[in-house]
């Protein structure tokens, strides 16, 4: 059986890091139907992201907070579920990764570390305690569907993650690109409808235009993600 997105050794969560929370919330609400709201059950009063059908898919961080270095660009941080953060971090460093934020416990929710992999892409490893990340049926519209790492050496990147996790990703791709980064790919029923709802507030690059079109969207703040059709054009 193919593991689902959110399983061990697959991506399990995202964190949208922005300096413009109202603008970012409006952008994603209009284009993808995401809802940004304070989690009243979270003592930190953190803002969480909910997809159109009610599934929690991520959190939000304010880059204006002093914990972030000045000039940190807006980005979407991606979390990869692993069995043992400390052991996997040691393995990643041995394969050429660099630790950005050392391993630490996020309360009773899990343990995490942030790395820059050998091709220059940032990634966070997440060891679940009480919180395992997102969970929703396959091909649920408006939710993360796959992850894509664009970089100058996709083969090297693929080998690194296979070595570190001990498995090949079922829901990730490695592609050629000039700016190393993991990108969330959101599955939707109507790609053209997403573009129509942009109203000129972001940039669109079509990556594939066949039966299942794929595009890359960038918000005015520089938040970048992909959108992929879940259905063949008919």
Protein backbone atom coordinates (compact mmCIF):
# COMPACT_ATOMS: atom_id res chain seq x y z
CA UNK A 1 0.00 0.00 0.00
CA UNK A 2 1.32 3.44 -0.91
CA UNK A 3 1.89 5.53 2.24
CA UNK A 4 -0.26 8.63 2.50
CA UNK A 5 1.06 12.15 2.76
CA UNK A 6 1.51 12.61 6.51
CA UNK A 7 2.87 9.11 7.15
CA UNK A 8 6.30 8.46 8.61
CA UNK A 9 9.02 9.52 6.15
CA UNK A 10 6.55 11.69 4.27
CA UNK A 11 5.79 15.40 4.64
CA UNK A 12 3.26 16.05 7.39
CA UNK A 13 2.80 19.81 7.94
CA UNK A 14 3.63 23.29 6.70
CA UNK A 15 4.14 26.67 8.33
CA UNK A 16 3.42 29.84 6.36
CA UNK A 17 5.87 32.51 7.50
CA UNK A 18 4.75 36.02 6.61
CA UNK A 19 5.00 39.68 7.59
CA UNK A 20 1.52 40.42 6.28
CA UNK A 21 -0.90 38.06 8.00
CA UNK A 22 -4.12 39.83 6.85
CA UNK A 23 -2.91 40.06 3.24
CA UNK A 24 -1.66 36.47 3.21
CA UNK A 25 -4.88 35.15 4.72
CA UNK A 26 -6.94 37.03 2.12
CA UNK A 27 -4.74 35.80 -0.74
CA UNK A 28 -5.05 32.12 0.19
CA UNK A 29 -8.73 32.43 1.08
CA UNK A 30 -9.55 33.88 -2.34
CA UNK A 31 -7.37 31.55 -4.42
CA UNK A 32 -7.63 28.22 -2.56
CA UNK A 33 -10.46 28.68 -0.08
CA UNK A 34 -8.16 28.31 2.94
CA UNK A 35 -9.31 29.74 6.26
CA UNK A 36 -6.88 31.35 8.71
CA UNK A 37 -8.12 31.43 12.31
CA UNK A 38 -6.77 31.46 15.86
CA UNK A 39 -6.85 27.99 17.40
CA UNK A 40 -8.80 28.60 20.61
CA UNK A 41 -7.77 25.18 21.95
CA UNK A 42 -4.07 26.09 21.64
CA UNK A 43 -2.69 27.89 24.70
CA UNK A 44 -0.33 29.78 22.38
CA UNK A 45 -3.32 31.16 20.45
CA UNK A 46 -1.57 30.16 17.26
CA UNK A 47 -3.14 30.80 13.87
CA UNK A 48 -3.93 27.60 11.98
CA UNK A 49 -4.87 27.01 8.34
CA UNK A 50 -7.93 24.95 7.43
CA UNK A 51 -8.66 23.66 3.93
CA UNK A 52 -12.14 24.04 2.35
CA UNK A 53 -13.43 20.70 3.66
CA UNK A 54 -12.33 21.39 7.23
CA UNK A 55 -8.95 19.63 7.36
CA UNK A 56 -6.12 21.32 9.28
CA UNK A 57 -3.13 21.64 6.97
CA UNK A 58 -0.72 24.13 8.54
CA UNK A 59 0.15 26.97 10.83
CA UNK A 60 1.19 30.60 10.44
CA UNK A 61 4.18 32.46 11.87
CA UNK A 62 4.71 36.23 12.02
CA UNK A 63 8.17 37.13 10.73
CA UNK A 64 7.96 40.43 12.59
CA UNK A 65 8.52 38.54 15.85
CA UNK A 66 12.04 39.01 17.27
CA UNK A 67 12.79 35.28 17.12
CA UNK A 68 13.30 35.70 13.35
CA UNK A 69 16.43 37.47 12.04
CA UNK A 70 15.74 40.79 10.28
CA UNK A 71 15.32 40.36 6.56
CA UNK A 72 14.09 36.76 6.71
CA UNK A 73 12.03 36.38 3.51
CA UNK A 74 8.46 35.17 3.52
CA UNK A 75 8.36 31.44 2.84
CA UNK A 76 6.51 28.20 3.48
CA UNK A 77 8.41 25.88 5.83
CA UNK A 78 7.85 22.17 5.17
CA UNK A 79 7.95 19.44 7.84
CA UNK A 80 9.05 15.86 7.18
CA UNK A 81 7.91 13.19 9.66
CA UNK A 82 10.71 10.96 10.96
CA UNK A 83 11.04 8.33 13.67
CA UNK A 84 13.94 9.91 15.58
CA UNK A 85 14.91 13.55 15.03
CA UNK A 86 18.30 13.32 16.72
CA UNK A 87 19.41 10.19 14.91
CA UNK A 88 18.13 11.42 11.54
CA UNK A 89 19.83 14.79 12.10
CA UNK A 90 23.16 13.08 12.73
CA UNK A 91 22.67 11.10 9.54
CA UNK A 92 21.74 14.21 7.56
CA UNK A 93 24.81 16.11 8.76
CA UNK A 94 26.94 13.12 7.82
CA UNK A 95 25.51 13.35 4.31
CA UNK A 96 26.32 17.06 3.98
CA UNK A 97 23.37 18.89 5.56
CA UNK A 98 23.78 21.94 7.82
CA UNK A 99 21.83 22.47 11.03
CA UNK A 100 20.05 25.85 11.20
CA UNK A 101 17.91 25.33 14.31
CA UNK A 102 19.19 22.52 16.60
CA UNK A 103 16.79 19.80 17.76
CA UNK A 104 14.32 20.86 20.44
CA UNK A 105 11.01 19.74 21.90
CA UNK A 106 7.95 21.71 20.81
CA UNK A 107 6.17 21.15 24.11
CA UNK A 108 4.39 17.81 24.18
CA UNK A 109 3.54 17.99 20.46
CA UNK A 110 6.80 16.71 18.97
CA UNK A 111 10.50 17.25 18.48
CA UNK A 112 11.95 19.12 15.52
CA UNK A 113 15.07 20.41 13.82
CA UNK A 114 15.59 22.69 10.82
CA UNK A 115 18.28 21.85 8.29
CA UNK A 116 19.62 23.07 4.97
CA UNK A 117 20.20 20.04 2.77
CA UNK A 118 23.27 19.56 0.52
CA UNK A 119 21.56 21.23 -2.48
CA UNK A 120 20.63 24.33 -0.46
CA UNK A 121 16.95 23.71 0.39
CA UNK A 122 15.63 24.22 3.92
CA UNK A 123 13.60 21.44 5.54
CA UNK A 124 12.36 20.69 9.05
CA UNK A 125 12.29 17.17 10.48
CA UNK A 126 9.40 16.40 12.83
CA UNK A 127 9.22 13.55 15.34
CA UNK A 128 5.59 13.28 16.47
CA UNK A 129 4.71 13.03 20.15
CA UNK A 130 1.06 14.04 20.50
CA UNK A 131 0.75 15.76 17.13
CA UNK A 132 1.29 13.84 13.92
CA UNK A 133 0.42 16.56 11.41
CA UNK A 134 -2.19 16.68 8.69
CA UNK A 135 -4.54 13.79 7.94
CA UNK A 136 -7.13 13.71 5.16
CA UNK A 137 -8.35 11.34 2.43
CA UNK A 138 -6.26 11.15 -0.76
CA UNK A 139 -7.10 13.65 -3.50
CA UNK A 140 -9.00 15.96 -1.15
CA UNK A 141 -9.35 19.22 -3.06
CA UNK A 142 -7.62 22.26 -1.63
CA UNK A 143 -5.07 20.28 0.41
CA UNK A 144 -1.34 19.60 -0.03
CA UNK A 145 -1.11 16.80 -2.57
CA UNK A 146 2.62 16.41 -3.27
CA UNK A 147 5.91 18.15 -2.43
CA UNK A 148 8.42 19.23 -5.06
CA UNK A 149 12.09 20.05 -4.51
CA UNK A 150 13.43 22.23 -7.32
CA UNK A 151 17.21 22.53 -7.35
CA UNK A 152 20.30 22.37 -9.51
CA UNK A 153 21.05 18.73 -8.62
CA UNK A 154 17.79 16.79 -8.28
CA UNK A 155 19.55 13.43 -8.43
CA UNK A 156 21.83 14.35 -5.54
CA UNK A 157 18.85 15.60 -3.56
CA UNK A 158 16.91 12.39 -4.15
CA UNK A 159 19.87 10.29 -2.99
CA UNK A 160 20.29 12.45 0.14
CA UNK A 161 16.69 12.06 1.30
CA UNK A 162 16.65 8.35 0.53
CA UNK A 163 19.81 7.91 2.59
CA UNK A 164 18.58 10.02 5.50
CA UNK A 165 15.08 8.52 5.77
CA UNK A 166 15.89 5.03 4.56
CA UNK A 167 13.10 5.10 2.00
CA UNK A 168 11.97 6.74 -1.23
CA UNK A 169 9.21 9.33 -0.97
CA UNK A 170 5.85 8.30 -2.39
CA UNK A 171 4.53 11.86 -2.53
CA UNK A 172 7.54 13.96 -3.51
CA UNK A 173 9.31 14.88 -6.72
CA UNK A 174 12.75 16.26 -7.53
CA UNK A 175 12.99 18.72 -10.40
CA UNK A 176 15.53 21.04 -12.00
CA UNK A 177 15.38 24.62 -10.73
CA UNK A 178 17.61 27.58 -9.95
CA UNK A 179 16.32 28.45 -6.47
CA UNK A 180 16.61 25.41 -4.15
CA UNK A 181 13.41 25.02 -2.18
CA UNK A 182 10.68 22.58 -1.26
CA UNK A 183 7.32 23.66 -2.64
CA UNK A 184 3.90 22.57 -1.49
CA UNK A 185 1.73 21.31 -4.35
CA UNK A 186 -1.99 21.80 -3.71
CA UNK A 187 -4.48 19.60 -5.51
CA UNK A 188 -7.61 21.30 -6.87
CA UNK A 189 -10.50 20.42 -9.16
CA UNK A 190 -10.33 23.63 -11.20
CA UNK A 191 -6.86 25.10 -11.86
CA UNK A 192 -8.19 27.78 -14.19
CA UNK A 193 -10.59 28.90 -11.48
CA UNK A 194 -7.66 29.45 -9.11
CA UNK A 195 -6.00 31.68 -11.69
CA UNK A 196 -9.22 33.62 -12.26
CA UNK A 197 -9.50 34.35 -8.54
CA UNK A 198 -6.01 35.88 -8.35
CA UNK A 199 -7.25 39.24 -9.63
CA UNK A 200 -3.69 40.26 -10.52
CA UNK A 201 -2.40 39.97 -6.94
CA UNK A 202 0.24 37.33 -7.71
CA UNK A 203 2.39 35.84 -10.43
CA UNK A 204 1.49 32.71 -12.42
CA UNK A 205 3.88 30.40 -14.26
CA UNK A 206 2.36 27.45 -16.11
CA UNK A 207 4.53 24.36 -15.66
CA UNK A 208 2.33 21.84 -17.48
CA UNK A 209 -0.70 22.49 -19.68
CA UNK A 210 -1.83 18.97 -20.60
CA UNK A 211 -4.77 16.93 -19.30
CA UNK A 212 -3.76 17.71 -15.71
CA UNK A 213 -2.32 21.23 -15.72
CA UNK A 214 0.20 22.39 -13.13
CA UNK A 215 1.18 25.95 -12.30
CA UNK A 216 3.34 27.83 -9.85
CA UNK A 217 1.83 30.75 -7.96
CA UNK A 218 3.69 33.48 -6.10
CA UNK A 219 1.96 35.93 -3.78
CA UNK A 220 2.92 39.60 -3.78
CA UNK A 221 5.05 38.85 -0.71
CA UNK A 222 6.91 36.05 -2.49
CA UNK A 223 5.18 32.98 -1.02
CA UNK A 224 5.53 30.32 -3.70
CA UNK A 225 3.59 27.09 -4.16
CA UNK A 226 2.29 24.86 -6.94
CA UNK A 227 -1.27 24.02 -7.92
CA UNK A 228 -2.06 20.76 -9.69
CA UNK A 229 -5.32 19.53 -11.17
CA UNK A 230 -6.74 16.41 -9.51
CA UNK A 231 -8.94 15.66 -12.50
CA UNK A 232 -8.29 15.13 -16.18
CA UNK A 233 -9.69 17.75 -18.48
CA UNK A 234 -12.78 16.41 -20.06
